[in-house]
Amino acid sequence: MKQYTRIEKERCIACGACMAILPAVFQPDEGGYAEAVYGGDGNRGITRIPLDMELDLWDAVDGCPTEAVRQSEYPFA
């Protein structure tokens, strides 16, 4: 199944959970808040996440205390 992700910046509290679970996809921005960077995505949610990372992506979604990690079967933009 295709998966795309991005961080809703207004919800992110920079707890680091998503970055710890899936550092290849989520990295801190200049303020320490998470953003989706895989494949140069720039937190737009348009880069497909590989199948071998899908379970970790779901863990990151479930592990976010503020529900800032969003996922979709379709690109966000």
Protein backbone atom coordinates (compact mmCIF):
# COMPACT_ATOMS: atom_id res chain seq x y z
CA MET A 1 0.00 0.00 0.00
CA LYS A 2 1.29 3.49 -0.80
CA GLN A 3 2.05 5.69 2.21
CA TYR A 4 2.82 9.38 2.49
CA THR A 5 3.50 11.38 5.63
CA ARG A 6 3.98 14.87 6.95
CA ILE A 7 4.04 16.64 10.30
CA GLU A 8 1.33 19.10 11.30
CA LYS A 9 3.72 21.71 12.65
CA GLU A 10 1.11 23.49 14.78
CA ARG A 11 0.59 20.26 16.75
CA CYS A 12 4.25 19.21 17.11
CA ILE A 13 5.77 19.63 20.59
CA ALA A 14 9.27 18.44 19.58
CA CYS A 15 9.11 15.36 21.81
CA GLY A 16 11.28 13.41 19.34
CA ALA A 17 9.22 10.20 19.33
CA CYS A 18 8.78 10.07 15.54
CA MET A 19 12.44 10.94 14.98
CA ALA A 20 13.52 8.13 17.30
CA ILE A 21 11.23 5.59 15.61
CA LEU A 22 11.94 6.54 11.99
CA PRO A 23 14.97 8.83 11.68
CA ALA A 24 15.27 8.20 7.93
CA VAL A 25 11.92 9.97 7.48
CA PHE A 26 11.65 12.43 10.38
CA GLN A 27 14.33 14.92 11.37
CA PRO A 28 14.28 18.13 13.42
CA ASP A 29 13.92 21.49 11.71
CA GLU A 30 15.96 24.51 12.80
CA GLY A 31 13.65 24.96 15.81
CA GLY A 32 13.86 21.33 16.90
CA TYR A 33 10.38 20.42 15.69
CA ALA A 34 9.92 17.33 13.55
CA GLU A 35 9.45 17.40 9.81
CA ALA A 36 9.25 14.75 7.11
CA VAL A 37 12.46 14.87 5.10
CA TYR A 38 12.64 11.50 3.32
CA GLY A 39 13.62 11.90 -0.31
CA GLY A 40 13.85 15.69 0.04
CA ASP A 41 10.14 15.95 0.84
CA GLY A 42 10.43 19.15 2.85
CA ASN A 43 7.39 18.16 4.96
CA ARG A 44 5.07 18.47 1.96
CA GLY A 45 3.83 14.89 2.19
CA ILE A 46 4.39 14.12 -1.48
CA THR A 47 7.23 11.58 -1.33
CA ARG A 48 6.18 7.94 -1.15
CA ILE A 49 7.51 6.12 1.91
CA PRO A 50 9.02 2.71 1.00
CA LEU A 51 7.13 -0.42 1.98
CA ASP A 52 9.94 -1.59 4.24
CA MET A 53 9.40 1.51 6.41
CA GLU A 54 5.62 1.20 6.59
CA LEU A 55 5.41 -0.55 9.98
CA ASP A 56 7.74 2.01 11.53
CA LEU A 57 5.63 4.79 10.01
CA TRP A 58 2.54 3.38 11.71
CA ASP A 59 4.49 3.20 14.98
CA ALA A 60 5.45 6.87 14.58
CA VAL A 61 1.81 7.81 13.93
CA ASP A 62 0.64 5.84 16.97
CA GLY A 63 3.51 7.11 19.14
CA CYS A 64 2.92 10.81 18.60
CA PRO A 65 1.31 12.25 21.76
CA THR A 66 -0.25 15.18 19.88
CA GLU A 67 -1.26 13.35 16.67
CA ALA A 68 1.03 15.63 14.65
CA VAL A 69 2.33 12.76 12.49
CA ARG A 70 -0.09 12.38 9.61
CA GLN A 71 -0.19 9.58 7.08
CA SER A 72 -2.21 9.01 3.94
CA GLU A 73 -2.45 6.62 1.02
CA TYR A 74 -2.35 9.67 -1.23
CA PRO A 75 0.06 12.62 -1.48
CA PHE A 76 -0.97 15.59 0.67
CA ALA A 77 -0.38 18.16 -2.07
